[in-house]
C-alpha atoms as a PDB file:
ATOM      1  CA  MET A   1      96.722 -24.041 -80.429  1.00  0.00           C
ATOM      2  CA  PRO A   2      97.877 -20.931 -78.699  1.00  0.00           C
ATOM      3  CA  ASP A   3     100.646 -22.694 -76.780  1.00  0.00           C
ATOM      4  CA  ARG A   4     101.966 -24.719 -79.603  1.00  0.00           C
ATOM      5  CA  LYS A   5     105.766 -24.191 -80.033  1.00  0.00           C
ATOM      6  CA  SER A   6     107.801 -24.085 -83.257  1.00  0.00           C
ATOM      7  CA  HIS A   7     110.941 -25.691 -81.791  1.00  0.00           C
ATOM      8  CA  LEU A   8     111.937 -28.213 -79.031  1.00  0.00           C
ATOM      9  CA  ASP A   9     112.912 -26.488 -75.791  1.00  0.00           C
ATOM     10  CA  SER A  10     114.801 -27.986 -72.860  1.00  0.00           C
ATOM     11  CA  LEU A  11     111.682 -29.416 -71.371  1.00  0.00           C
ATOM     12  CA  ALA A  12     110.832 -31.290 -74.533  1.00  0.00           C
ATOM     13  CA  ILE A  13     114.328 -32.517 -75.196  1.00  0.00           C
ATOM     14  CA  SER A  14     114.541 -33.908 -71.697  1.00  0.00           C
ATOM     15  CA  LEU A  15     111.063 -35.666 -71.815  1.00  0.00           C
ATOM     16  CA  LEU A  16     111.969 -37.183 -75.201  1.00  0.00           C
ATOM     17  CA  LEU A  17     115.304 -38.427 -74.047  1.00  0.00           C
ATOM     18  CA  ALA A  18     113.639 -39.919 -70.975  1.00  0.00           C
ATOM     19  CA  CYS A  19     111.085 -41.618 -73.148  1.00  0.00           C
ATOM     20  CA  CYS A  20     113.520 -43.026 -75.579  1.00  0.00           C
ATOM     21  CA  LEU A  21     115.676 -44.241 -72.822  1.00  0.00           C
ATOM     22  CA  PHE A  22     112.902 -46.145 -71.207  1.00  0.00           C
ATOM     23  CA  TRP A  23     111.699 -47.644 -74.412  1.00  0.00           C
ATOM     24  CA  GLY A  24     115.127 -49.085 -74.886  1.00  0.00           C
ATOM     25  CA  LEU A  25     115.145 -50.289 -71.152  1.00  0.00           C
ATOM     26  CA  GLN A  26     111.627 -51.743 -71.662  1.00  0.00           C
ATOM     27  CA  GLN A  27     112.940 -54.615 -73.877  1.00  0.00           C
ATOM     28  CA  ILE A  28     115.533 -55.400 -71.200  1.00  0.00           C
ATOM     29  CA  LEU A  29     112.696 -55.495 -68.525  1.00  0.00           C
ATOM     30  CA  ILE A  30     110.694 -57.894 -70.538  1.00  0.00           C
ATOM     31  CA  LYS A  31     113.686 -60.078 -71.424  1.00  0.00           C
ATOM     32  CA  THR A  32     114.640 -60.518 -67.889  1.00  0.00           C
ATOM     33  CA  THR A  33     111.134 -61.155 -66.677  1.00  0.00           C
ATOM     34  CA  VAL A  34     110.033 -63.572 -69.411  1.00  0.00           C
ATOM     35  CA  GLY A  35     111.739 -66.524 -67.857  1.00  0.00           C
ATOM     36  CA  GLU A  36     109.675 -66.082 -64.714  1.00  0.00           C
ATOM     37  CA  VAL A  37     106.486 -64.820 -65.945  1.00  0.00           C
ATOM     38  CA  PRO A  38     105.179 -66.392 -69.199  1.00  0.00           C
ATOM     39  CA  PRO A  39     105.274 -63.894 -72.199  1.00  0.00           C
ATOM     40  CA  LEU A  40     101.669 -63.515 -73.035  1.00  0.00           C
ATOM     41  CA  TRP A  41     100.445 -63.597 -69.422  1.00  0.00           C
ATOM     42  CA  GLN A  42     103.053 -60.959 -68.677  1.00  0.00           C
ATOM     43  CA  ALA A  43     101.559 -58.797 -71.509  1.00  0.00           C
ATOM     44  CA  ALA A  44      97.996 -59.448 -70.229  1.00  0.00           C
ATOM     45  CA  LEU A  45      98.893 -58.163 -66.781  1.00  0.00           C
ATOM     46  CA  ARG A  46     100.764 -55.098 -68.128  1.00  0.00           C
ATOM     47  CA  PHE A  47      97.962 -54.041 -70.562  1.00  0.00           C
ATOM     48  CA  ALA A  48      95.137 -54.736 -68.061  1.00  0.00           C
ATOM     49  CA  GLY A  49      96.829 -52.425 -65.601  1.00  0.00           C
ATOM     50  CA  ALA A  50      97.548 -49.831 -68.335  1.00  0.00           C
ATOM     51  CA  THR A  51      93.852 -49.926 -69.493  1.00  0.00           C
ATOM     52  CA  ALA A  52      92.680 -49.322 -65.884  1.00  0.00           C
ATOM     53  CA  LEU A  53      95.079 -46.461 -65.481  1.00  0.00           C
ATOM     54  CA  LEU A  54      94.183 -44.698 -68.709  1.00  0.00           C
ATOM     55  CA  TRP A  55      90.430 -45.167 -68.008  1.00  0.00           C
ATOM     56  CA  LEU A  56      90.899 -43.474 -64.648  1.00  0.00           C
ATOM     57  CA  TRP A  57      93.016 -40.680 -66.226  1.00  0.00           C
ATOM     58  CA  CYS A  58      90.250 -40.144 -68.905  1.00  0.00           C
ATOM     59  CA  ALA A  59      87.506 -39.988 -66.123  1.00  0.00           C
ATOM     60  CA  VAL A  60      89.396 -37.465 -64.120  1.00  0.00           C
ATOM     61  CA  ARG A  61      90.102 -35.231 -67.099  1.00  0.00           C
ATOM     62  CA  GLY A  62      86.707 -35.615 -68.576  1.00  0.00           C
ATOM     63  CA  VAL A  63      87.807 -37.407 -71.775  1.00  0.00           C
ATOM     64  CA  ARG A  64      84.803 -39.325 -73.340  1.00  0.00           C
ATOM     65  CA  LEU A  65      85.852 -42.812 -74.376  1.00  0.00           C
ATOM     66  CA  PHE A  66      82.499 -44.335 -75.185  1.00  0.00           C
ATOM     67  CA  ARG A  67      80.861 -41.574 -77.284  1.00  0.00           C
ATOM     68  CA  ARG A  68      79.721 -42.826 -80.792  1.00  0.00           C
ATOM     69  CA  ASP A  69      82.000 -41.305 -83.449  1.00  0.00           C
ATOM     70  CA  GLY A  70      82.192 -43.841 -86.043  1.00  0.00           C
ATOM     71  CA  THR A  71      85.713 -45.131 -84.968  1.00  0.00           C
ATOM     72  CA  LEU A  72      84.674 -48.525 -83.525  1.00  0.00           C
ATOM     73  CA  ARG A  73      85.744 -50.678 -86.428  1.00  0.00           C
ATOM     74  CA  ALA A  74      88.993 -48.852 -87.176  1.00  0.00           C
ATOM     75  CA  GLY A  75      89.754 -48.857 -83.382  1.00  0.00           C
ATOM     76  CA  LEU A  76      89.203 -52.628 -82.979  1.00  0.00           C
ATOM     77  CA  LEU A  77      91.390 -53.155 -86.013  1.00  0.00           C
ATOM     78  CA  ALA A  78      94.176 -50.859 -84.685  1.00  0.00           C
ATOM     79  CA  GLY A  79      93.906 -52.627 -81.286  1.00  0.00           C
ATOM     80  CA  ALA A  80      94.089 -56.046 -82.936  1.00  0.00           C
ATOM     81  CA  LEU A  81      97.201 -55.020 -84.784  1.00  0.00           C
ATOM     82  CA  PHE A  82      98.705 -53.512 -81.539  1.00  0.00           C
ATOM     83  CA  ALA A  83      97.917 -56.695 -79.722  1.00  0.00           C
ATOM     84  CA  GLY A  84      99.666 -58.708 -82.394  1.00  0.00           C
ATOM     85  CA  GLU A  85     102.605 -56.500 -82.191  1.00  0.00           C
ATOM     86  CA  PHE A  86     103.136 -56.860 -78.610  1.00  0.00           C
ATOM     87  CA  SER A  87     102.485 -60.609 -78.690  1.00  0.00           C
ATOM     88  CA  CYS A  88     105.297 -60.907 -81.157  1.00  0.00           C
ATOM     89  CA  ILE A  89     107.650 -58.763 -78.974  1.00  0.00           C
ATOM     90  CA  TYR A  90     106.976 -60.824 -75.825  1.00  0.00           C
ATOM     91  CA  LEU A  91     107.338 -64.145 -77.609  1.00  0.00           C
ATOM     92  CA  GLY A  92     110.349 -62.961 -79.627  1.00  0.00           C
ATOM     93  CA  LEU A  93     112.253 -61.918 -76.570  1.00  0.00           C
ATOM     94  CA  ARG A  94     112.228 -65.647 -75.405  1.00  0.00           C
ATOM     95  CA  ASP A  95     114.477 -66.486 -78.293  1.00  0.00           C
ATOM     96  CA  THR A  96     116.560 -63.325 -79.365  1.00  0.00           C
ATOM     97  CA  THR A  97     118.414 -60.490 -77.687  1.00  0.00           C
ATOM     98  CA  ALA A  98     116.736 -57.311 -76.607  1.00  0.00           C
ATOM     99  CA  SER A  99     119.145 -55.358 -78.764  1.00  0.00           C
ATOM    100  CA  ARG A 100     118.557 -57.364 -81.764  1.00  0.00           C
ATOM    101  CA  LEU A 101     114.725 -57.191 -81.352  1.00  0.00           C
ATOM    102  CA  THR A 102     114.736 -53.486 -81.041  1.00  0.00           C
ATOM    103  CA  VAL A 103     116.629 -53.169 -84.430  1.00  0.00           C
ATOM    104  CA  PHE A 104     114.068 -55.210 -86.202  1.00  0.00           C
ATOM    105  CA  LEU A 105     111.089 -53.452 -84.417  1.00  0.00           C
ATOM    106  CA  TYR A 106     112.247 -50.095 -85.746  1.00  0.00           C
ATOM    107  CA  THR A 107     111.655 -51.259 -89.368  1.00  0.00           C
ATOM    108  CA  SER A 108     107.978 -49.940 -88.826  1.00  0.00           C
ATOM    109  CA  PRO A 109     108.627 -46.629 -90.502  1.00  0.00           C
ATOM    110  CA  PHE A 110     109.510 -48.355 -93.730  1.00  0.00           C
ATOM    111  CA  VAL A 111     106.123 -50.206 -93.693  1.00  0.00           C
ATOM    112  CA  VAL A 112     104.410 -46.918 -93.439  1.00  0.00           C
ATOM    113  CA  ALA A 113     106.564 -45.332 -96.179  1.00  0.00           C
ATOM    114  CA  LEU A 114     105.917 -48.171 -98.544  1.00  0.00           C
ATOM    115  CA  LEU A 115     102.182 -48.532 -97.898  1.00  0.00           C
ATOM    116  CA  LEU A 116     101.007 -44.973 -97.246  1.00  0.00           C
ATOM    117  CA  PRO A 117     101.190 -43.923-100.833  1.00  0.00           C
ATOM    118  CA  ARG A 118      98.631 -46.456-101.628  1.00  0.00           C
ATOM    119  CA  LEU A 119      96.215 -44.875 -99.253  1.00  0.00           C
ATOM    120  CA  VAL A 120      97.175 -41.298 -99.675  1.00  0.00           C
ATOM    121  CA  PRO A 121      98.242 -40.626-103.352  1.00  0.00           C
ATOM    122  CA  THR A 122      99.948 -37.429-102.530  1.00  0.00           C
ATOM    123  CA  GLU A 123     102.448 -39.274-100.444  1.00  0.00           C
ATOM    124  CA  LYS A 124     104.728 -40.390-103.166  1.00  0.00           C
ATOM    125  CA  LEU A 125     108.232 -41.634-102.414  1.00  0.00           C
ATOM    126  CA  ARG A 126     111.138 -39.597-103.470  1.00  0.00           C
ATOM    127  CA  ALA A 127     114.427 -40.991-104.779  1.00  0.00           C
ATOM    128  CA  ALA A 128     116.053 -40.314-101.471  1.00  0.00           C
ATOM    129  CA  GLN A 129     113.293 -42.231 -99.573  1.00  0.00           C
ATOM    130  CA  TRP A 130     113.621 -45.274-102.036  1.00  0.00           C
ATOM    131  CA  ALA A 131     117.465 -45.162-101.219  1.00  0.00           C
ATOM    132  CA  GLY A 132     116.637 -45.168 -97.604  1.00  0.00           C
ATOM    133  CA  LEU A 133     114.394 -48.162 -97.938  1.00  0.00           C
ATOM    134  CA  ALA A 134     117.116 -49.972 -99.890  1.00  0.00           C
ATOM    135  CA  ILE A 135     119.657 -49.309 -97.227  1.00  0.00           C
ATOM    136  CA  ALA A 136     117.330 -50.336 -94.438  1.00  0.00           C
ATOM    137  CA  PHE A 137     116.319 -53.518 -96.221  1.00  0.00           C
ATOM    138  CA  GLY A 138     119.932 -54.497 -96.857  1.00  0.00           C
ATOM    139  CA  SER A 139     120.822 -53.799 -93.113  1.00  0.00           C
ATOM    140  CA  VAL A 140     117.951 -55.878 -91.792  1.00  0.00           C
ATOM    141  CA  ALA A 141     118.932 -58.681 -94.122  1.00  0.00           C
ATOM    142  CA  LEU A 142     122.524 -58.499 -92.871  1.00  0.00           C
ATOM    143  CA  ALA A 143     121.409 -58.654 -89.280  1.00  0.00           C
ATOM    144  CA  PHE A 144     118.825 -61.333 -89.964  1.00  0.00           C
ATOM    145  CA  GLY A 145     121.507 -63.443 -91.650  1.00  0.00           C
ATOM    146  CA  GLU A 146     123.199 -64.021 -88.313  1.00  0.00           C
ATOM    147  CA  GLY A 147     120.470 -66.431 -87.459  1.00  0.00           C
ATOM    148  CA  PHE A 148     121.191 -68.800 -90.305  1.00  0.00           C
ATOM    149  CA  VAL A 149     123.486 -71.045 -88.424  1.00  0.00           C
ATOM    150  CA  SER A 150     123.402 -74.750 -87.694  1.00  0.00           C
ATOM    151  CA  SER A 151     123.327 -74.637 -83.870  1.00  0.00           C
ATOM    152  CA  SER A 152     120.183 -74.823 -81.897  1.00  0.00           C
ATOM    153  CA  ALA A 153     120.893 -71.371 -80.468  1.00  0.00           C
ATOM    154  CA  GLY A 154     120.945 -69.920 -83.951  1.00  0.00           C
ATOM    155  CA  ALA A 155     117.667 -71.538 -84.891  1.00  0.00           C
ATOM    156  CA  ARG A 156     116.034 -69.987 -81.835  1.00  0.00           C
ATOM    157  CA  GLN A 157     117.644 -66.670 -82.636  1.00  0.00           C
ATOM    158  CA  LEU A 158     116.175 -66.897 -86.112  1.00  0.00           C
ATOM    159  CA  ARG A 159     112.658 -67.467 -84.672  1.00  0.00           C
ATOM    160  CA  GLY A 160     113.058 -64.539 -82.429  1.00  0.00           C
ATOM    161  CA  ASP A 161     114.227 -62.328 -85.127  1.00  0.00           C
ATOM    162  CA  ALA A 162     111.374 -63.269 -87.420  1.00  0.00           C
ATOM    163  CA  LEU A 163     108.852 -62.530 -84.688  1.00  0.00           C
ATOM    164  CA  ALA A 164     110.682 -59.081 -84.038  1.00  0.00           C
ATOM    165  CA  LEU A 165     110.308 -58.305 -87.762  1.00  0.00           C
ATOM    166  CA  ALA A 166     106.618 -59.229 -87.602  1.00  0.00           C
ATOM    167  CA  ALA A 167     106.245 -56.999 -84.659  1.00  0.00           C
ATOM    168  CA  GLY A 168     107.777 -54.058 -86.645  1.00  0.00           C
ATOM    169  CA  THR A 169     105.473 -54.736 -89.544  1.00  0.00           C
ATOM    170  CA  LEU A 170     102.306 -54.883 -87.314  1.00  0.00           C
ATOM    171  CA  TRP A 171     103.442 -51.507 -85.660  1.00  0.00           C
ATOM    172  CA  GLY A 172     103.649 -49.912 -89.064  1.00  0.00           C
ATOM    173  CA  LEU A 173     100.223 -51.396 -90.120  1.00  0.00           C
ATOM    174  CA  THR A 174      98.781 -49.847 -86.814  1.00  0.00           C
ATOM    175  CA  THR A 175     100.083 -46.476 -87.812  1.00  0.00           C
ATOM    176  CA  LEU A 176      98.560 -46.704 -91.203  1.00  0.00           C
ATOM    177  CA  VAL A 177      95.181 -47.647 -89.830  1.00  0.00           C
ATOM    178  CA  ILE A 178      95.234 -44.713 -87.358  1.00  0.00           C
ATOM    179  CA  ARG A 179      96.462 -42.223 -90.061  1.00  0.00           C
ATOM    180  CA  ALA A 180      94.046 -43.484 -92.714  1.00  0.00           C
ATOM    181  CA  SER A 181      90.857 -43.625 -90.636  1.00  0.00           C
ATOM    182  CA  ARG A 182      88.644 -41.477 -88.472  1.00  0.00           C
ATOM    183  CA  LEU A 183      90.860 -42.256 -85.550  1.00  0.00           C
ATOM    184  CA  SER A 184      93.040 -39.580 -86.719  1.00  0.00           C
ATOM    185  CA  THR A 185      90.212 -37.080 -85.760  1.00  0.00           C
ATOM    186  CA  VAL A 186      89.611 -38.283 -82.184  1.00  0.00           C
ATOM    187  CA  SER A 187      91.502 -37.670 -78.964  1.00  0.00           C
ATOM    188  CA  ALA A 188      94.900 -39.374 -78.631  1.00  0.00           C
ATOM    189  CA  GLU A 189      93.538 -40.936 -75.343  1.00  0.00           C
ATOM    190  CA  LYS A 190      90.784 -42.704 -77.107  1.00  0.00           C
ATOM    191  CA  THR A 191      93.106 -43.979 -79.735  1.00  0.00           C
ATOM    192  CA  LEU A 192      95.415 -45.279 -77.190  1.00  0.00           C
ATOM    193  CA  PHE A 193      92.578 -46.833 -75.256  1.00  0.00           C
ATOM    194  CA  TYR A 194      91.485 -48.923 -78.229  1.00  0.00           C
ATOM    195  CA  GLN A 195      94.995 -50.356 -78.434  1.00  0.00           C
ATOM    196  CA  VAL A 196      95.617 -51.135 -74.833  1.00  0.00           C
ATOM    197  CA  ALA A 197      92.061 -52.330 -74.093  1.00  0.00           C
ATOM    198  CA  VAL A 198      91.946 -54.810 -77.051  1.00  0.00           C
ATOM    199  CA  THR A 199      95.437 -56.128 -75.989  1.00  0.00           C
ATOM    200  CA  ALA A 200      94.209 -56.587 -72.420  1.00  0.00           C
ATOM    201  CA  VAL A 201      91.445 -58.809 -73.740  1.00  0.00           C
ATOM    202  CA  ALA A 202      93.512 -60.612 -76.534  1.00  0.00           C
ATOM    203  CA  ALA A 203      96.690 -61.388 -74.543  1.00  0.00           C
ATOM    204  CA  PRO A 204      95.047 -63.667 -71.866  1.00  0.00           C
ATOM    205  CA  LEU A 205      93.115 -65.613 -74.647  1.00  0.00           C
ATOM    206  CA  LEU A 206      96.316 -66.176 -76.595  1.00  0.00           C
ATOM    207  CA  SER A 207      98.117 -67.096 -73.408  1.00  0.00           C
ATOM    208  CA  LEU A 208      95.451 -69.826 -72.793  1.00  0.00           C
ATOM    209  CA  LEU A 209      95.800 -71.019 -76.349  1.00  0.00           C
ATOM    210  CA  LEU A 210      99.514 -71.451 -75.882  1.00  0.00           C
ATOM    211  CA  GLY A 211      98.942 -73.293 -72.502  1.00  0.00           C
ATOM    212  CA  GLU A 212     100.887 -70.778 -70.369  1.00  0.00           C
ATOM    213  CA  THR A 213     100.611 -71.348 -66.587  1.00  0.00           C
ATOM    214  CA  TRP A 214      99.024 -68.405 -64.800  1.00  0.00           C
ATOM    215  CA  SER A 215     100.071 -67.216 -61.394  1.00  0.00           C
ATOM    216  CA  ILE A 216     100.537 -64.063 -59.170  1.00  0.00           C
ATOM    217  CA  SER A 217     103.156 -65.599 -57.063  1.00  0.00           C
ATOM    218  CA  TYR A 218     106.364 -63.944 -58.534  1.00  0.00           C
ATOM    219  CA  SER A 219     109.565 -62.377 -57.165  1.00  0.00           C
ATOM    220  CA  ALA A 220     109.802 -58.764 -56.079  1.00  0.00           C
ATOM    221  CA  TYR A 221     111.863 -58.094 -59.273  1.00  0.00           C
ATOM    222  CA  ALA A 222     109.269 -59.612 -61.607  1.00  0.00           C
ATOM    223  CA  TRP A 223     106.527 -57.435 -59.994  1.00  0.00           C
ATOM    224  CA  GLY A 224     108.788 -54.361 -60.144  1.00  0.00           C
ATOM    225  CA  SER A 225     109.454 -54.965 -63.858  1.00  0.00           C
ATOM    226  CA  LEU A 226     105.691 -55.334 -64.475  1.00  0.00           C
ATOM    227  CA  ALA A 227     104.909 -52.149 -62.558  1.00  0.00           C
ATOM    228  CA  ALA A 228     107.524 -50.236 -64.645  1.00  0.00           C
ATOM    229  CA  GLN A 229     106.324 -51.643 -67.885  1.00  0.00           C
ATOM    230  CA  THR A 230     102.712 -50.737 -67.071  1.00  0.00           C
ATOM    231  CA  VAL A 231     102.927 -47.294 -65.111  1.00  0.00           C
ATOM    232  CA  ILE A 232     105.863 -45.884 -67.052  1.00  0.00           C
ATOM    233  CA  GLY A 233     105.841 -47.835 -70.260  1.00  0.00           C
ATOM    234  CA  ALA A 234     102.193 -48.365 -71.294  1.00  0.00           C
ATOM    235  CA  PHE A 235     100.804 -45.410 -69.568  1.00  0.00           C
ATOM    236  CA  ALA A 236     103.016 -42.531 -68.631  1.00  0.00           C
ATOM    237  CA  SER A 237     105.518 -42.656 -71.572  1.00  0.00           C
ATOM    238  CA  TYR A 238     102.703 -42.906 -74.057  1.00  0.00           C
ATOM    239  CA  LEU A 239     100.712 -39.948 -72.524  1.00  0.00           C
ATOM    240  CA  THR A 240     103.941 -37.940 -72.460  1.00  0.00           C
ATOM    241  CA  TRP A 241     104.511 -38.592 -76.201  1.00  0.00           C
ATOM    242  CA  MET A 242     100.858 -37.568 -76.995  1.00  0.00           C
ATOM    243  CA  TRP A 243     101.246 -34.324 -74.925  1.00  0.00           C
ATOM    244  CA  LEU A 244     104.564 -33.584 -76.797  1.00  0.00           C
ATOM    245  CA  LEU A 245     102.809 -34.080 -80.096  1.00  0.00           C
ATOM    246  CA  ARG A 246     100.126 -31.576 -79.203  1.00  0.00           C
ATOM    247  CA  HIS A 247     102.671 -28.897 -78.315  1.00  0.00           C
ATOM    248  CA  TYR A 248     105.811 -29.468 -80.423  1.00  0.00           C
ATOM    249  CA  PRO A 249     106.683 -30.162 -84.075  1.00  0.00           C
ATOM    250  CA  ALA A 250     106.191 -33.919 -84.823  1.00  0.00           C
ATOM    251  CA  THR A 251     108.862 -33.714 -87.490  1.00  0.00           C
ATOM    252  CA  GLN A 252     111.525 -32.633 -84.961  1.00  0.00           C
ATOM    253  CA  MET A 253     110.385 -35.147 -82.319  1.00  0.00           C
ATOM    254  CA  SER A 254     110.553 -38.160 -84.723  1.00  0.00           C
ATOM    255  CA  SER A 255     114.296 -37.833 -85.018  1.00  0.00           C
ATOM    256  CA  PHE A 256     114.670 -38.571 -81.273  1.00  0.00           C
ATOM    257  CA  THR A 257     113.067 -42.077 -81.793  1.00  0.00           C
ATOM    258  CA  PHE A 258     116.222 -43.172 -83.530  1.00  0.00           C
ATOM    259  CA  LEU A 259     117.899 -43.141 -80.132  1.00  0.00           C
ATOM    260  CA  THR A 260     115.665 -45.900 -78.854  1.00  0.00           C
ATOM    261  CA  PRO A 261     117.482 -48.871 -80.613  1.00  0.00           C
ATOM    262  CA  VAL A 262     120.836 -47.352 -79.635  1.00  0.00           C
ATOM    263  CA  PHE A 263     119.871 -47.196 -76.026  1.00  0.00           C
ATOM    264  CA  ALA A 264     118.565 -50.825 -76.317  1.00  0.00           C
ATOM    265  CA  LEU A 265     121.785 -51.965 -77.888  1.00  0.00           C
ATOM    266  CA  VAL A 266     123.916 -50.230 -75.171  1.00  0.00           C
ATOM    267  CA  LEU A 267     121.819 -51.310 -72.230  1.00  0.00           C
ATOM    268  CA  GLY A 268     121.676 -55.009 -73.607  1.00  0.00           C
ATOM    269  CA  VAL A 269     125.495 -55.010 -73.723  1.00  0.00           C
ATOM    270  CA  MET A 270     125.951 -53.452 -70.346  1.00  0.00           C
ATOM    271  CA  LEU A 271     123.158 -55.110 -68.374  1.00  0.00           C
ATOM    272  CA  LEU A 272     122.644 -58.457 -70.061  1.00  0.00           C
ATOM    273  CA  ASN A 273     126.123 -59.123 -71.647  1.00  0.00           C
ATOM    274  CA  GLU A 274     124.584 -59.280 -74.958  1.00  0.00           C
ATOM    275  CA  PRO A 275     126.997 -59.929 -77.855  1.00  0.00           C
ATOM    276  CA  LEU A 276     127.955 -56.757 -79.861  1.00  0.00           C
ATOM    277  CA  THR A 277     128.777 -57.962 -83.219  1.00  0.00           C
ATOM    278  CA  VAL A 278     130.008 -56.115 -86.243  1.00  0.00           C
ATOM    279  CA  GLN A 279     126.900 -57.140 -88.249  1.00  0.00           C
ATOM    280  CA  LEU A 280     124.523 -55.790 -85.599  1.00  0.00           C
ATOM    281  CA  MET A 281     126.402 -52.521 -85.403  1.00  0.00           C
ATOM    282  CA  LEU A 282     126.209 -52.090 -89.162  1.00  0.00           C
ATOM    283  CA  ALA A 283     122.529 -52.996 -89.192  1.00  0.00           C
ATOM    284  CA  LEU A 284     121.698 -50.461 -86.582  1.00  0.00           C
ATOM    285  CA  CYS A 285     123.714 -47.730 -88.437  1.00  0.00           C
ATOM    286  CA  GLY A 286     121.910 -48.834 -91.729  1.00  0.00           C
ATOM    287  CA  VAL A 287     118.423 -48.676 -90.282  1.00  0.00           C
ATOM    288  CA  ALA A 288     119.124 -45.365 -88.533  1.00  0.00           C
ATOM    289  CA  ILE A 289     120.370 -43.823 -91.942  1.00  0.00           C
ATOM    290  CA  GLY A 290     117.396 -45.363 -93.680  1.00  0.00           C
ATOM    291  CA  ILE A 291     114.887 -43.802 -91.249  1.00  0.00           C
ATOM    292  CA  VAL A 292     116.579 -40.466 -91.706  1.00  0.00           C
ATOM    293  CA  LEU A 293     116.349 -40.649 -95.436  1.00  0.00           C
ATOM    294  CA  VAL A 294     112.784 -41.886 -95.478  1.00  0.00           C
ATOM    295  CA  ASN A 295     111.531 -39.167 -93.073  1.00  0.00           C
ATOM    296  CA  ARG A 296     113.762 -36.294 -94.501  1.00  0.00           C
ATOM    297  CA  ARG A 297     111.613 -33.475 -95.874  1.00  0.00           C
ATOM    298  CA  PRO A 298     112.431 -31.965 -99.294  1.00  0.00           C
ATOM    299  CA  ALA A 299     114.193 -28.591 -99.283  1.00  0.00           C
ATOM    300  CA  ALA A 300     111.173 -26.711-100.345  1.00  0.00           C
ATOM    301  CA  ALA A 301     109.330 -27.913 -97.234  1.00  0.00           C
ATOM    302  CA  SER A 302     111.991 -27.087 -94.789  1.00  0.00           C
ATOM    303  CA  GLY A 303     110.415 -23.858 -93.562  1.00  0.00           C
ATOM    304  CA  PRO A 304     108.918 -23.314 -90.105  1.00  0.00           C
ATOM    305  CA  PRO A 305     106.060 -25.517 -89.210  1.00  0.00           C
ATOM    306  CA  ASP A 306     102.446 -24.355 -89.308  1.00  0.00           C
END
């Protein structure tokens, strides 16, 4: 691409910081709304709105979403995994803190690192990557161990942590499906459309199965939270990320995602008075170190991007 840049400029850094800050805030919004709006019904409203906005965006820009290109099966699978991920996130936030959930959610890069070599033989793990996986695994085990207590609050936290870990696993599997299928050759808008559209269909069905009560009579705060999750979270921030991927080096961008769990931790403590424990801080640092090691490129490949 003629306008592709070899480094992150001030515009890219500003947009990346804004995205990571909102992604950290997003868990706070869900957490503070889930008591009023049932979790999967909340997800259904969010992704139905995001699907409509993305459809309109593609229509205006002439992006063809329904052309036959052999991606239907992979797209539906990616959408189902994405729907499972967000179902676990919304259900998990009933029982665990936003800061803890985000730490577990960001185990997804390790799922990709472990399984990608089985799909792409050239993607073998180096010693540093194995060390990163070991550090991250130990850190997650340390944080997860806080849920093993006898109180009822501890049991609920353990369930929420397990759902958060499942969400991180599903996120990693979604990434693998996209990278290892024909989805990697189509527009980013179409790949995203598969995910939000399938979730918009699956979430209300799961909501009905769980017996959630549907309503549209909610407080102004709840509707504001849903609007932010939909317009900024599931639509604008994802489109911004895709635009950045087209114009800036993905390897340099990926390091900024490490800020999301940090923002979630800080915002959870500041806005929700969530407990800031030594174990959680150590787990966050361990996961961050692990992600750096897993994604670190060997010295021979440290030259300028193509």
